[in-house]
Amino acid sequence: MDVWREFEHNEITHSGAHYLMTVQQLIEEQGYARVSDVAREMHITPGSASIMIKSLREKGYLEEDRNRFLLLSDEGNRLAQSVWSHRQILIAFLKGVLHIDAEQAEIDACKIEHLISTKTGERLLLFLQFLLSDDPHGKAFLKSYWDANVLAICDFETCAVCEEVGECLVIRSESA
């Protein structure tokens, strides 16, 4: 299997996910969403918003009522909820476990949120719940992780991850 081709099989694009979440947010905040509201909220032109919204309607993710208010279909709502959940899980993981600052965690989570599978999101949530719980094993794991000075350059000779790949990944990522 060509793993890189899996990207093309995502249910929705990054942009499409943001449109659905924006519609959902507007409905929650003001009780309705129109194309002009979506455009304003996303800082884009109404014409651009209209094009994407038409595409999302054609795919069955959005509907429009007789007053031209946008509604999420069941499938659109499921996707918006899924992406939003993935974002929250990723932000919590990046901030709570990896100690990434809030702004960068939000940026990175936004880049990843629509790419992970439901199963990966669920497993990451379970792992996160364990690590951040009062379970002494989770606390010990995190303490051990941070005590190991993980931010130092790894030693290629003793790093199982780099050994598996055949080169030091830290040095490679720094030179990129």
N, C-alpha and C. Protein backbone atom coordinates (compact mmCIF):
# COMPACT_ATOMS: atom_id res chain seq x y z
N MET A 1 0.84 -1.18 0.00
CA MET A 1 0.00 0.00 0.00
C MET A 1 0.89 1.24 0.00
N ASP A 2 0.54 2.20 -0.82
CA ASP A 2 1.23 3.48 -0.83
C ASP A 2 0.59 4.38 0.22
N VAL A 3 1.23 4.45 1.38
CA VAL A 3 0.66 5.18 2.51
C VAL A 3 0.40 6.64 2.16
N TRP A 4 1.28 7.24 1.40
CA TRP A 4 1.11 8.66 1.08
C TRP A 4 -0.18 8.92 0.32
N ARG A 5 -0.70 7.91 -0.37
CA ARG A 5 -1.95 8.09 -1.11
C ARG A 5 -3.17 8.13 -0.19
N GLU A 6 -3.02 7.66 1.03
CA GLU A 6 -4.13 7.66 1.98
C GLU A 6 -4.63 9.08 2.27
N PHE A 7 -3.76 10.06 2.14
CA PHE A 7 -4.14 11.45 2.36
C PHE A 7 -5.30 11.84 1.46
N GLU A 8 -5.30 11.33 0.25
CA GLU A 8 -6.35 11.64 -0.72
C GLU A 8 -7.69 11.01 -0.35
N HIS A 9 -7.70 10.04 0.56
CA HIS A 9 -8.92 9.34 0.91
C HIS A 9 -9.62 9.93 2.13
N ASN A 10 -9.12 11.05 2.64
CA ASN A 10 -9.79 11.69 3.77
C ASN A 10 -11.20 12.08 3.38
N GLU A 11 -12.10 11.97 4.33
CA GLU A 11 -13.50 12.32 4.05
C GLU A 11 -13.64 13.78 3.66
N ILE A 12 -12.82 14.63 4.25
CA ILE A 12 -12.99 16.06 4.05
C ILE A 12 -11.63 16.74 4.06
N THR A 13 -11.54 17.85 3.35
CA THR A 13 -10.29 18.60 3.33
C THR A 13 -10.16 19.43 4.60
N HIS A 14 -8.97 19.93 4.81
CA HIS A 14 -8.71 20.82 5.94
C HIS A 14 -9.65 22.02 5.89
N SER A 15 -9.74 22.63 4.73
CA SER A 15 -10.59 23.80 4.55
C SER A 15 -12.06 23.45 4.77
N GLY A 16 -12.50 22.34 4.20
CA GLY A 16 -13.89 21.92 4.36
C GLY A 16 -14.25 21.69 5.82
N ALA A 17 -13.33 21.10 6.57
CA ALA A 17 -13.57 20.87 8.00
C ALA A 17 -13.77 22.19 8.73
N HIS A 18 -12.97 23.18 8.37
CA HIS A 18 -13.10 24.49 9.03
C HIS A 18 -14.42 25.16 8.69
N TYR A 19 -14.89 24.99 7.49
CA TYR A 19 -16.20 25.53 7.13
C TYR A 19 -17.29 24.88 7.98
N LEU A 20 -17.26 23.56 8.09
CA LEU A 20 -18.27 22.86 8.88
C LEU A 20 -18.23 23.30 10.34
N MET A 21 -17.03 23.41 10.89
CA MET A 21 -16.91 23.82 12.29
C MET A 21 -17.36 25.27 12.47
N THR A 22 -17.12 26.11 11.48
CA THR A 22 -17.57 27.50 11.56
C THR A 22 -19.09 27.57 11.52
N VAL A 23 -19.71 26.81 10.64
CA VAL A 23 -21.18 26.78 10.60
C VAL A 23 -21.72 26.30 11.94
N GLN A 24 -21.13 25.26 12.48
CA GLN A 24 -21.56 24.72 13.77
C GLN A 24 -21.43 25.78 14.87
N GLN A 25 -20.29 26.46 14.89
CA GLN A 25 -20.03 27.48 15.90
C GLN A 25 -21.04 28.63 15.78
N LEU A 26 -21.29 29.08 14.56
CA LEU A 26 -22.24 30.18 14.35
C LEU A 26 -23.65 29.79 14.81
N ILE A 27 -24.06 28.58 14.50
CA ILE A 27 -25.39 28.12 14.92
C ILE A 27 -25.47 28.09 16.45
N GLU A 28 -24.41 27.62 17.09
CA GLU A 28 -24.39 27.57 18.56
C GLU A 28 -24.42 28.98 19.16
N GLU A 29 -23.68 29.91 18.56
CA GLU A 29 -23.56 31.26 19.12
C GLU A 29 -24.75 32.16 18.81
N GLN A 30 -25.26 32.11 17.57
CA GLN A 30 -26.30 33.05 17.21
C GLN A 30 -27.60 32.40 16.72
N GLY A 31 -27.60 31.07 16.69
CA GLY A 31 -28.82 30.37 16.33
C GLY A 31 -29.00 30.13 14.84
N TYR A 32 -28.14 30.66 14.02
CA TYR A 32 -28.24 30.49 12.57
C TYR A 32 -26.87 30.77 11.95
N ALA A 33 -26.74 30.37 10.70
CA ALA A 33 -25.51 30.65 9.94
C ALA A 33 -25.90 30.89 8.49
N ARG A 34 -25.41 31.96 7.94
CA ARG A 34 -25.60 32.28 6.52
C ARG A 34 -24.22 32.31 5.88
N VAL A 35 -24.19 32.27 4.57
CA VAL A 35 -22.93 32.33 3.83
C VAL A 35 -22.14 33.57 4.25
N SER A 36 -22.82 34.70 4.36
CA SER A 36 -22.13 35.95 4.73
C SER A 36 -21.54 35.87 6.13
N ASP A 37 -22.22 35.17 7.05
CA ASP A 37 -21.70 35.00 8.41
C ASP A 37 -20.43 34.14 8.40
N VAL A 38 -20.48 33.08 7.62
CA VAL A 38 -19.32 32.19 7.50
C VAL A 38 -18.14 32.96 6.92
N ALA A 39 -18.38 33.74 5.88
CA ALA A 39 -17.31 34.52 5.25
C ALA A 39 -16.70 35.50 6.25
N ARG A 40 -17.55 36.19 6.98
CA ARG A 40 -17.06 37.16 7.96
C ARG A 40 -16.23 36.46 9.04
N GLU A 41 -16.75 35.38 9.56
CA GLU A 41 -16.07 34.65 10.64
C GLU A 41 -14.72 34.09 10.19
N MET A 42 -14.64 33.67 8.92
CA MET A 42 -13.41 33.07 8.40
C MET A 42 -12.49 34.08 7.72
N HIS A 43 -12.91 35.34 7.68
CA HIS A 43 -12.11 36.42 7.07
C HIS A 43 -11.82 36.13 5.60
N ILE A 44 -12.87 35.76 4.88
CA ILE A 44 -12.76 35.51 3.45
C ILE A 44 -13.91 36.24 2.75
N THR A 45 -13.87 36.27 1.43
CA THR A 45 -14.94 36.94 0.70
C THR A 45 -16.18 36.06 0.66
N PRO A 46 -17.36 36.67 0.58
CA PRO A 46 -18.59 35.87 0.45
C PRO A 46 -18.56 34.97 -0.79
N GLY A 47 -17.92 35.42 -1.86
CA GLY A 47 -17.82 34.60 -3.06
C GLY A 47 -17.04 33.32 -2.82
N SER A 48 -15.92 33.44 -2.11
CA SER A 48 -15.11 32.25 -1.78
C SER A 48 -15.90 31.31 -0.88
N ALA A 49 -16.57 31.88 0.11
CA ALA A 49 -17.36 31.05 1.03
C ALA A 49 -18.47 30.34 0.27
N SER A 50 -19.10 31.03 -0.65
CA SER A 50 -20.20 30.46 -1.42
C SER A 50 -19.76 29.26 -2.24
N ILE A 51 -18.58 29.34 -2.82
CA ILE A 51 -18.06 28.23 -3.64
C ILE A 51 -17.85 26.98 -2.79
N MET A 52 -17.21 27.14 -1.63
CA MET A 52 -16.95 25.98 -0.77
C MET A 52 -18.25 25.45 -0.17
N ILE A 53 -19.13 26.33 0.21
CA ILE A 53 -20.40 25.90 0.79
C ILE A 53 -21.22 25.12 -0.23
N LYS A 54 -21.19 25.55 -1.47
CA LYS A 54 -21.88 24.81 -2.54
C LYS A 54 -21.32 23.39 -2.64
N SER A 55 -20.00 23.28 -2.60
CA SER A 55 -19.35 21.97 -2.67
C SER A 55 -19.75 21.10 -1.47
N LEU A 56 -19.78 21.68 -0.29
CA LEU A 56 -20.15 20.93 0.91
C LEU A 56 -21.62 20.51 0.87
N ARG A 57 -22.47 21.33 0.28
CA ARG A 57 -23.88 20.96 0.11
C ARG A 57 -24.00 19.79 -0.86
N GLU A 58 -23.25 19.87 -1.96
CA GLU A 58 -23.29 18.80 -2.97
C GLU A 58 -22.81 17.46 -2.40
N LYS A 59 -21.88 17.52 -1.45
CA LYS A 59 -21.37 16.30 -0.83
C LYS A 59 -22.28 15.81 0.30
N GLY A 60 -23.30 16.60 0.61
CA GLY A 60 -24.26 16.19 1.63
C GLY A 60 -23.89 16.56 3.05
N TYR A 61 -22.91 17.43 3.23
CA TYR A 61 -22.49 17.84 4.57
C TYR A 61 -23.28 19.04 5.09
N LEU A 62 -23.78 19.85 4.19
CA LEU A 62 -24.55 21.03 4.56
C LEU A 62 -25.88 21.02 3.84
N GLU A 63 -26.85 21.67 4.45
CA GLU A 63 -28.16 21.87 3.84
C GLU A 63 -28.49 23.35 3.99
N GLU A 64 -29.47 23.79 3.23
CA GLU A 64 -29.90 25.18 3.31
C GLU A 64 -31.42 25.18 3.44
N ASP A 65 -31.95 25.92 4.42
CA ASP A 65 -33.41 25.96 4.58
C ASP A 65 -34.02 27.02 3.66
N ARG A 66 -35.32 27.20 3.74
CA ARG A 66 -36.01 28.13 2.83
C ARG A 66 -35.60 29.58 3.06
N ASN A 67 -35.04 29.88 4.24
CA ASN A 67 -34.56 31.23 4.54
C ASN A 67 -33.08 31.40 4.19
N ARG A 68 -32.52 30.39 3.56
CA ARG A 68 -31.11 30.37 3.15
C ARG A 68 -30.15 30.28 4.34
N PHE A 69 -30.66 29.77 5.46
CA PHE A 69 -29.81 29.50 6.61
C PHE A 69 -29.15 28.14 6.40
N LEU A 70 -27.89 28.06 6.77
CA LEU A 70 -27.13 26.82 6.62
C LEU A 70 -27.38 25.90 7.81
N LEU A 71 -27.48 24.63 7.52
CA LEU A 71 -27.64 23.61 8.54
C LEU A 71 -26.66 22.49 8.26
N LEU A 72 -26.12 21.91 9.30
CA LEU A 72 -25.27 20.73 9.12
C LEU A 72 -26.16 19.51 8.95
N SER A 73 -25.85 18.69 7.96
CA SER A 73 -26.53 17.40 7.85
C SER A 73 -26.02 16.52 8.98
N ASP A 74 -26.62 15.36 9.17
CA ASP A 74 -26.12 14.44 10.20
C ASP A 74 -24.66 14.11 9.95
N GLU A 75 -24.32 13.87 8.68
CA GLU A 75 -22.93 13.53 8.34
C GLU A 75 -22.01 14.73 8.55
N GLY A 76 -22.47 15.92 8.18
CA GLY A 76 -21.68 17.14 8.40
C GLY A 76 -21.46 17.39 9.87
N ASN A 77 -22.48 17.15 10.67
CA ASN A 77 -22.36 17.32 12.12
C ASN A 77 -21.38 16.31 12.70
N ARG A 78 -21.46 15.07 12.22
CA ARG A 78 -20.53 14.03 12.69
C ARG A 78 -19.09 14.41 12.38
N LEU A 79 -18.86 14.88 11.16
CA LEU A 79 -17.50 15.27 10.77
C LEU A 79 -17.01 16.46 11.58
N ALA A 80 -17.85 17.48 11.73
CA ALA A 80 -17.45 18.66 12.50
C ALA A 80 -17.12 18.28 13.94
N GLN A 81 -17.95 17.43 14.54
CA GLN A 81 -17.70 16.99 15.91
C GLN A 81 -16.41 16.18 16.01
N SER A 82 -16.18 15.32 15.04
CA SER A 82 -14.99 14.49 15.03
C SER A 82 -13.72 15.34 14.94
N VAL A 83 -13.71 16.28 14.01
CA VAL A 83 -12.54 17.15 13.84
C VAL A 83 -12.33 18.00 15.08
N TRP A 84 -13.41 18.55 15.64
CA TRP A 84 -13.30 19.37 16.85
C TRP A 84 -12.74 18.53 18.00
N SER A 85 -13.23 17.30 18.16
CA SER A 85 -12.73 16.42 19.22
C SER A 85 -11.25 16.12 19.04
N HIS A 86 -10.88 15.81 17.80
CA HIS A 86 -9.46 15.54 17.52
C HIS A 86 -8.61 16.75 17.89
N ARG A 87 -9.09 17.94 17.55
CA ARG A 87 -8.34 19.15 17.87
C ARG A 87 -8.12 19.27 19.37
N GLN A 88 -9.19 19.07 20.15
CA GLN A 88 -9.08 19.22 21.60
C GLN A 88 -8.13 18.18 22.19
N ILE A 89 -8.21 16.95 21.70
CA ILE A 89 -7.32 15.89 22.17
C ILE A 89 -5.88 16.23 21.85
N LEU A 90 -5.63 16.67 20.62
CA LEU A 90 -4.26 17.01 20.21
C LEU A 90 -3.71 18.19 21.00
N ILE A 91 -4.51 19.21 21.21
CA ILE A 91 -4.06 20.36 22.00
C ILE A 91 -3.71 19.91 23.41
N ALA A 92 -4.57 19.11 24.02
CA ALA A 92 -4.31 18.63 25.37
C ALA A 92 -3.03 17.80 25.42
N PHE A 93 -2.82 16.96 24.42
CA PHE A 93 -1.60 16.14 24.37
C PHE A 93 -0.36 17.00 24.19
N LEU A 94 -0.42 17.91 23.23
CA LEU A 94 0.75 18.75 22.95
C LEU A 94 1.11 19.63 24.14
N LYS A 95 0.11 20.20 24.79
CA LYS A 95 0.36 21.07 25.95
C LYS A 95 0.67 20.25 27.20
N GLY A 96 -0.18 19.28 27.50
CA GLY A 96 -0.09 18.56 28.76
C GLY A 96 1.02 17.54 28.85
N VAL A 97 1.36 16.93 27.74
CA VAL A 97 2.37 15.87 27.75
C VAL A 97 3.69 16.36 27.18
N LEU A 98 3.65 17.01 26.03
CA LEU A 98 4.88 17.44 25.37
C LEU A 98 5.33 18.84 25.76
N HIS A 99 4.48 19.54 26.54
CA HIS A 99 4.79 20.89 27.03
C HIS A 99 5.02 21.90 25.90
N ILE A 100 4.25 21.78 24.85
CA ILE A 100 4.28 22.76 23.76
C ILE A 100 3.44 23.95 24.21
N ASP A 101 3.90 25.17 23.94
CA ASP A 101 3.15 26.34 24.38
C ASP A 101 1.78 26.37 23.69
N ALA A 102 0.83 27.06 24.32
CA ALA A 102 -0.57 27.03 23.88
C ALA A 102 -0.75 27.46 22.43
N GLU A 103 -0.10 28.52 22.02
CA GLU A 103 -0.27 29.01 20.65
C GLU A 103 0.24 27.99 19.62
N GLN A 104 1.42 27.44 19.86
CA GLN A 104 1.97 26.46 18.93
C GLN A 104 1.16 25.17 18.95
N ALA A 105 0.67 24.79 20.12
CA ALA A 105 -0.17 23.59 20.22
C ALA A 105 -1.43 23.76 19.38
N GLU A 106 -2.03 24.94 19.42
CA GLU A 106 -3.24 25.22 18.63
C GLU A 106 -2.92 25.13 17.14
N ILE A 107 -1.80 25.70 16.73
CA ILE A 107 -1.40 25.68 15.32
C ILE A 107 -1.16 24.25 14.85
N ASP A 108 -0.38 23.50 15.63
CA ASP A 108 -0.06 22.13 15.24
C ASP A 108 -1.30 21.23 15.24
N ALA A 109 -2.15 21.39 16.24
CA ALA A 109 -3.38 20.60 16.30
C ALA A 109 -4.27 20.89 15.10
N CYS A 110 -4.32 22.15 14.69
CA CYS A 110 -5.13 22.53 13.53
C CYS A 110 -4.61 21.85 12.26
N LYS A 111 -3.32 21.67 12.17
CA LYS A 111 -2.73 21.03 10.99
C LYS A 111 -3.02 19.53 10.94
N ILE A 112 -3.20 18.92 12.10
CA ILE A 112 -3.31 17.47 12.20
C ILE A 112 -4.75 16.99 12.35
N GLU A 113 -5.61 17.80 12.95
CA GLU A 113 -6.93 17.40 13.43
C GLU A 113 -7.78 16.59 12.45
N HIS A 114 -7.77 16.93 11.20
CA HIS A 114 -8.64 16.25 10.23
C HIS A 114 -7.95 15.08 9.53
N LEU A 115 -6.70 14.84 9.88
CA LEU A 115 -5.94 13.79 9.21
C LEU A 115 -5.94 12.46 9.95
N ILE A 116 -6.19 12.49 11.26
CA ILE A 116 -6.11 11.24 12.01
C ILE A 116 -7.44 10.50 11.97
N SER A 117 -7.36 9.19 12.07
CA SER A 117 -8.57 8.37 12.04
C SER A 117 -9.29 8.47 13.38
N THR A 118 -10.53 8.04 13.38
CA THR A 118 -11.31 8.01 14.62
C THR A 118 -10.63 7.11 15.63
N LYS A 119 -10.16 5.96 15.18
CA LYS A 119 -9.49 5.01 16.08
C LYS A 119 -8.24 5.63 16.70
N THR A 120 -7.44 6.33 15.91
CA THR A 120 -6.24 6.99 16.43
C THR A 120 -6.63 8.06 17.45
N GLY A 121 -7.65 8.83 17.14
CA GLY A 121 -8.12 9.86 18.07
C GLY A 121 -8.57 9.24 19.39
N GLU A 122 -9.31 8.14 19.32
CA GLU A 122 -9.78 7.47 20.54
C GLU A 122 -8.61 6.93 21.36
N ARG A 123 -7.65 6.31 20.68
CA ARG A 123 -6.50 5.74 21.39
C ARG A 123 -5.63 6.83 22.01
N LEU A 124 -5.47 7.93 21.29
CA LEU A 124 -4.70 9.05 21.82
C LEU A 124 -5.39 9.62 23.06
N LEU A 125 -6.72 9.71 23.02
CA LEU A 125 -7.47 10.20 24.17
C LEU A 125 -7.28 9.27 25.37
N LEU A 126 -7.38 7.96 25.16
CA LEU A 126 -7.18 7.01 26.26
C LEU A 126 -5.78 7.13 26.84
N PHE A 127 -4.78 7.26 25.97
CA PHE A 127 -3.40 7.41 26.43
C PHE A 127 -3.24 8.70 27.23
N LEU A 128 -3.82 9.77 26.73
CA LEU A 128 -3.76 11.07 27.39
C LEU A 128 -4.45 11.01 28.75
N GLN A 129 -5.63 10.38 28.80
CA GLN A 129 -6.34 10.24 30.07
C GLN A 129 -5.49 9.49 31.09
N PHE A 130 -4.82 8.45 30.64
CA PHE A 130 -3.94 7.69 31.53
C PHE A 130 -2.78 8.55 32.02
N LEU A 131 -2.11 9.23 31.10
CA LEU A 131 -0.94 10.02 31.48
C LEU A 131 -1.28 11.16 32.42
N LEU A 132 -2.44 11.77 32.24
CA LEU A 132 -2.79 12.95 33.03
C LEU A 132 -3.71 12.62 34.21
N SER A 133 -3.93 11.33 34.45
CA SER A 133 -4.80 10.91 35.55
C SER A 133 -4.00 10.88 36.86
N ASP A 134 -4.68 10.47 37.91
CA ASP A 134 -4.01 10.30 39.20
C ASP A 134 -3.36 8.93 39.33
N ASP A 135 -3.44 8.13 38.28
CA ASP A 135 -2.83 6.81 38.30
C ASP A 135 -1.32 6.96 38.52
N PRO A 136 -0.78 6.30 39.54
CA PRO A 136 0.65 6.46 39.82
C PRO A 136 1.55 6.00 38.67
N HIS A 137 1.08 5.04 37.86
CA HIS A 137 1.88 4.58 36.73
C HIS A 137 1.97 5.67 35.66
N GLY A 138 0.86 6.36 35.41
CA GLY A 138 0.86 7.46 34.45
C GLY A 138 1.77 8.59 34.90
N LYS A 139 1.66 8.94 36.18
CA LYS A 139 2.51 10.01 36.73
C LYS A 139 3.98 9.60 36.66
N ALA A 140 4.27 8.34 36.99
CA ALA A 140 5.65 7.85 36.94
C ALA A 140 6.19 7.87 35.52
N PHE A 141 5.34 7.49 34.56
CA PHE A 141 5.75 7.50 33.16
C PHE A 141 6.15 8.91 32.73
N LEU A 142 5.28 9.88 33.01
CA LEU A 142 5.58 11.26 32.61
C LEU A 142 6.83 11.77 33.31
N LYS A 143 6.96 11.49 34.60
CA LYS A 143 8.14 11.93 35.34
C LYS A 143 9.40 11.31 34.74
N SER A 144 9.35 10.02 34.48
CA SER A 144 10.49 9.33 33.89
C SER A 144 10.83 9.91 32.52
N TYR A 145 9.80 10.19 31.74
CA TYR A 145 9.99 10.77 30.40
C TYR A 145 10.73 12.10 30.49
N TRP A 146 10.25 12.98 31.35
CA TRP A 146 10.88 14.30 31.45
C TRP A 146 12.22 14.25 32.18
N ASP A 147 12.37 13.34 33.12
CA ASP A 147 13.65 13.21 33.82
C ASP A 147 14.74 12.67 32.90
N ALA A 148 14.36 11.99 31.84
CA ALA A 148 15.34 11.40 30.92
C ALA A 148 15.97 12.46 30.02
N ASN A 149 15.63 13.72 30.26
CA ASN A 149 16.18 14.83 29.48
C ASN A 149 15.92 14.61 27.99
N VAL A 150 14.66 14.38 27.67
CA VAL A 150 14.28 14.05 26.31
C VAL A 150 14.53 15.17 25.31
N LEU A 151 14.73 16.38 25.78
CA LEU A 151 14.95 17.47 24.85
C LEU A 151 16.40 17.56 24.39
N ALA A 152 17.27 16.76 25.00
CA ALA A 152 18.66 16.75 24.57
C ALA A 152 18.77 15.97 23.26
N ILE A 153 19.82 16.24 22.51
CA ILE A 153 20.05 15.48 21.28
C ILE A 153 20.21 14.01 21.66
N CYS A 154 19.52 13.16 20.94
CA CYS A 154 19.59 11.74 21.28
C CYS A 154 20.95 11.17 20.91
N ASP A 155 21.26 10.06 21.53
CA ASP A 155 22.49 9.34 21.24
C ASP A 155 22.13 8.24 20.25
N PHE A 156 22.57 8.39 19.01
CA PHE A 156 22.22 7.45 17.95
C PHE A 156 22.54 6.01 18.35
N GLU A 157 23.60 5.83 19.09
CA GLU A 157 24.03 4.48 19.47
C GLU A 157 23.03 3.80 20.41
N THR A 158 22.29 4.58 21.21
CA THR A 158 21.38 3.99 22.18
C THR A 158 19.91 4.27 21.88
N CYS A 159 19.62 5.02 20.83
CA CYS A 159 18.23 5.39 20.51
C CYS A 159 17.60 4.31 19.63
N ALA A 160 16.62 3.60 20.18
CA ALA A 160 15.96 2.52 19.45
C ALA A 160 15.22 3.04 18.22
N VAL A 161 14.66 4.23 18.30
CA VAL A 161 13.91 4.78 17.16
C VAL A 161 14.87 5.10 16.02
N CYS A 162 15.94 5.81 16.32
CA CYS A 162 16.90 6.18 15.28
C CYS A 162 17.61 4.95 14.72
N GLU A 163 17.88 3.99 15.60
CA GLU A 163 18.53 2.76 15.15
C GLU A 163 17.64 2.02 14.14
N GLU A 164 16.34 1.98 14.40
CA GLU A 164 15.39 1.33 13.50
C GLU A 164 15.41 1.97 12.12
N VAL A 165 15.50 3.30 12.08
CA VAL A 165 15.49 4.05 10.82
C VAL A 165 16.86 4.03 10.16
N GLY A 166 17.90 3.96 10.97
CA GLY A 166 19.25 3.92 10.43
C GLY A 166 19.96 5.26 10.41
N GLU A 167 19.35 6.28 10.99
CA GLU A 167 20.00 7.59 11.11
C GLU A 167 19.35 8.36 12.24
N CYS A 168 20.05 9.39 12.72
CA CYS A 168 19.54 10.20 13.82
C CYS A 168 18.44 11.13 13.31
N LEU A 169 17.24 10.95 13.80
CA LEU A 169 16.10 11.75 13.36
C LEU A 169 16.13 13.17 13.92
N VAL A 170 16.73 13.36 15.08
CA VAL A 170 16.82 14.70 15.65
C VAL A 170 17.70 15.58 14.78
N ILE A 171 18.85 15.08 14.40
CA ILE A 171 19.76 15.84 13.55
C ILE A 171 19.09 16.13 12.21
N ARG A 172 18.40 15.15 11.66
CA ARG A 172 17.71 15.33 10.37
C ARG A 172 16.64 16.42 10.48
N SER A 173 15.84 16.42 11.56
CA SER A 173 14.78 17.42 11.69
C SER A 173 15.34 18.81 11.94
N GLU A 174 16.50 18.90 12.59
CA GLU A 174 17.11 20.21 12.83
C GLU A 174 17.65 20.82 11.55
N SER A 175 18.10 19.99 10.62
CA SER A 175 18.68 20.52 9.39
C SER A 175 17.62 20.82 8.33
N ALA A 176 16.39 20.39 8.57
CA ALA A 176 15.31 20.61 7.59
C ALA A 176 14.87 22.05 7.53
